Amino acid sequence: MSNSITRERIEMRVDNETKRLAERAAAALGCASLTEFITRLIRENAPEILQNEASVKLTNSQFDNFISVCNDDTLKPSEKLIAAAKRLDKEGF
């Protein structure tokens, strides 16, 4: 069975200082090439970045306030909030 990984190309242009910095950092990590270095950075950092973008972090006080507002029967959602919720439902969230 052969390994059939499709390879994609990423092209980028950077200034000389940035390239030299990347080359030095790649060598310090023992990477054989800038491609290996950049791939390593992406694989190590992208999942955390995406997780941070997908989550909401609240302090205990903020969470308590949120729950208090959610449980307040006298408050009604605005039309904009209702429209946003419908849009999220339509998109499968």
C-alpha atoms as a PDB file:
ATOM      1  CA  MET A   1       0.000   0.000   0.000  1.00  0.00           C
ATOM      2  CA  SER A   2       1.484   3.368  -0.994  1.00  0.00           C
ATOM      3  CA  ASN A   3       1.355   6.555   1.041  1.00  0.00           C
ATOM      4  CA  SER A   4      -0.812   8.889  -1.043  1.00  0.00           C
ATOM      5  CA  ILE A   5      -0.545  12.213   0.780  1.00  0.00           C
ATOM      6  CA  THR A   6      -1.490  15.102  -1.487  1.00  0.00           C
ATOM      7  CA  ARG A   7       1.008  17.915  -1.201  1.00  0.00           C
ATOM      8  CA  GLU A   8      -0.014  21.563  -1.556  1.00  0.00           C
ATOM      9  CA  ARG A   9       2.249  24.529  -2.142  1.00  0.00           C
ATOM     10  CA  ILE A  10       2.310  27.666   0.003  1.00  0.00           C
ATOM     11  CA  GLU A  11       4.213  30.555  -1.517  1.00  0.00           C
ATOM     12  CA  MET A  12       5.277  33.501   0.554  1.00  0.00           C
ATOM     13  CA  ARG A  13       7.595  36.441   0.286  1.00  0.00           C
ATOM     14  CA  VAL A  14       9.309  37.920   3.315  1.00  0.00           C
ATOM     15  CA  ASP A  15      12.019  40.499   3.863  1.00  0.00           C
ATOM     16  CA  ASN A  16      15.661  39.379   4.241  1.00  0.00           C
ATOM     17  CA  GLU A  17      15.688  39.898   8.011  1.00  0.00           C
ATOM     18  CA  THR A  18      12.630  37.690   8.493  1.00  0.00           C
ATOM     19  CA  LYS A  19      14.093  34.963   6.288  1.00  0.00           C
ATOM     20  CA  ARG A  20      17.410  35.004   8.168  1.00  0.00           C
ATOM     21  CA  LEU A  21      15.567  34.871  11.481  1.00  0.00           C
ATOM     22  CA  ALA A  22      13.502  31.896  10.290  1.00  0.00           C
ATOM     23  CA  GLU A  23      16.625  30.117   9.007  1.00  0.00           C
ATOM     24  CA  ARG A  24      18.399  30.606  12.346  1.00  0.00           C
ATOM     25  CA  ALA A  25      15.374  29.376  14.298  1.00  0.00           C
ATOM     26  CA  ALA A  26      14.985  26.377  11.980  1.00  0.00           C
ATOM     27  CA  ALA A  27      18.629  25.447  12.516  1.00  0.00           C
ATOM     28  CA  ALA A  28      18.271  25.877  16.288  1.00  0.00           C
ATOM     29  CA  LEU A  29      15.376  23.394  16.267  1.00  0.00           C
ATOM     30  CA  GLY A  30      17.263  20.978  14.037  1.00  0.00           C
ATOM     31  CA  CYS A  31      14.942  21.397  11.061  1.00  0.00           C
ATOM     32  CA  ALA A  32      16.472  20.410   7.723  1.00  0.00           C
ATOM     33  CA  SER A  33      14.649  23.162   5.814  1.00  0.00           C
ATOM     34  CA  LEU A  34      12.445  26.211   6.124  1.00  0.00           C
ATOM     35  CA  THR A  35       9.579  24.060   4.866  1.00  0.00           C
ATOM     36  CA  GLU A  36      10.054  21.652   7.763  1.00  0.00           C
ATOM     37  CA  PHE A  37      10.313  24.565  10.203  1.00  0.00           C
ATOM     38  CA  ILE A  38       7.183  26.337   8.959  1.00  0.00           C
ATOM     39  CA  THR A  39       5.226  23.069   8.816  1.00  0.00           C
ATOM     40  CA  ARG A  40       6.254  22.335  12.394  1.00  0.00           C
ATOM     41  CA  LEU A  41       5.167  25.788  13.550  1.00  0.00           C
ATOM     42  CA  ILE A  42       1.793  25.422  11.846  1.00  0.00           C
ATOM     43  CA  ARG A  43       1.135  21.946  13.238  1.00  0.00           C
ATOM     44  CA  GLU A  44       2.175  22.951  16.762  1.00  0.00           C
ATOM     45  CA  ASN A  45       0.391  26.305  16.919  1.00  0.00           C
ATOM     46  CA  ALA A  46      -2.643  26.203  14.626  1.00  0.00           C
ATOM     47  CA  PRO A  47      -4.749  23.798  16.754  1.00  0.00           C
ATOM     48  CA  GLU A  48      -4.382  26.016  19.843  1.00  0.00           C
ATOM     49  CA  ILE A  49      -5.150  29.163  17.848  1.00  0.00           C
ATOM     50  CA  LEU A  50      -8.283  27.566  16.398  1.00  0.00           C
ATOM     51  CA  GLN A  51      -9.357  26.292  19.826  1.00  0.00           C
ATOM     52  CA  ASN A  52      -8.940  29.762  21.308  1.00  0.00           C
ATOM     53  CA  GLU A  53     -11.082  31.229  18.522  1.00  0.00           C
ATOM     54  CA  ALA A  54     -13.792  28.604  19.070  1.00  0.00           C
ATOM     55  CA  SER A  55     -14.107  29.009  22.840  1.00  0.00           C
ATOM     56  CA  VAL A  56     -15.264  31.682  25.218  1.00  0.00           C
ATOM     57  CA  LYS A  57     -13.467  32.104  28.536  1.00  0.00           C
ATOM     58  CA  LEU A  58     -15.207  33.826  31.404  1.00  0.00           C
ATOM     59  CA  THR A  59     -14.235  34.640  34.952  1.00  0.00           C
ATOM     60  CA  ASN A  60     -16.435  33.149  37.686  1.00  0.00           C
ATOM     61  CA  SER A  61     -18.033  36.563  38.150  1.00  0.00           C
ATOM     62  CA  GLN A  62     -18.785  36.913  34.430  1.00  0.00           C
ATOM     63  CA  PHE A  63     -20.264  33.405  34.321  1.00  0.00           C
ATOM     64  CA  ASP A  64     -22.440  34.089  37.393  1.00  0.00           C
ATOM     65  CA  ASN A  65     -23.691  37.301  35.766  1.00  0.00           C
ATOM     66  CA  PHE A  66     -24.413  35.426  32.501  1.00  0.00           C
ATOM     67  CA  ILE A  67     -26.432  32.740  34.339  1.00  0.00           C
ATOM     68  CA  SER A  68     -28.292  35.421  36.276  1.00  0.00           C
ATOM     69  CA  VAL A  69     -29.305  37.175  33.064  1.00  0.00           C
ATOM     70  CA  CYS A  70     -30.289  33.863  31.441  1.00  0.00           C
ATOM     71  CA  ASN A  71     -32.541  33.043  34.383  1.00  0.00           C
ATOM     72  CA  ASP A  72     -34.202  36.481  34.447  1.00  0.00           C
ATOM     73  CA  ASP A  73     -37.689  35.916  32.991  1.00  0.00           C
ATOM     74  CA  THR A  74     -38.320  39.664  32.708  1.00  0.00           C
ATOM     75  CA  LEU A  75     -35.643  40.085  30.019  1.00  0.00           C
ATOM     76  CA  LYS A  76     -36.475  39.368  26.376  1.00  0.00           C
ATOM     77  CA  PRO A  77     -33.956  38.916  23.541  1.00  0.00           C
ATOM     78  CA  SER A  78     -33.657  41.686  20.971  1.00  0.00           C
ATOM     79  CA  GLU A  79     -34.644  41.177  17.340  1.00  0.00           C
ATOM     80  CA  LYS A  80     -30.945  41.228  16.366  1.00  0.00           C
ATOM     81  CA  LEU A  81     -30.195  38.441  18.852  1.00  0.00           C
ATOM     82  CA  ILE A  82     -33.132  36.368  17.612  1.00  0.00           C
ATOM     83  CA  ALA A  83     -31.993  36.845  14.006  1.00  0.00           C
ATOM     84  CA  ALA A  84     -28.437  35.830  14.929  1.00  0.00           C
ATOM     85  CA  ALA A  85     -29.710  32.695  16.695  1.00  0.00           C
ATOM     86  CA  LYS A  86     -31.799  31.750  13.662  1.00  0.00           C
ATOM     87  CA  ARG A  87     -28.779  32.250  11.399  1.00  0.00           C
ATOM     88  CA  LEU A  88     -26.692  29.991  13.640  1.00  0.00           C
ATOM     89  CA  ASP A  89     -29.432  27.344  13.625  1.00  0.00           C
ATOM     90  CA  LYS A  90     -29.574  27.520   9.817  1.00  0.00           C
ATOM     91  CA  GLU A  91     -25.785  27.053   9.654  1.00  0.00           C
ATOM     92  CA  GLY A  92     -25.975  23.998  11.921  1.00  0.00           C
ATOM     93  CA  PHE A  93     -24.614  25.420  15.159  1.00  0.00           C
END
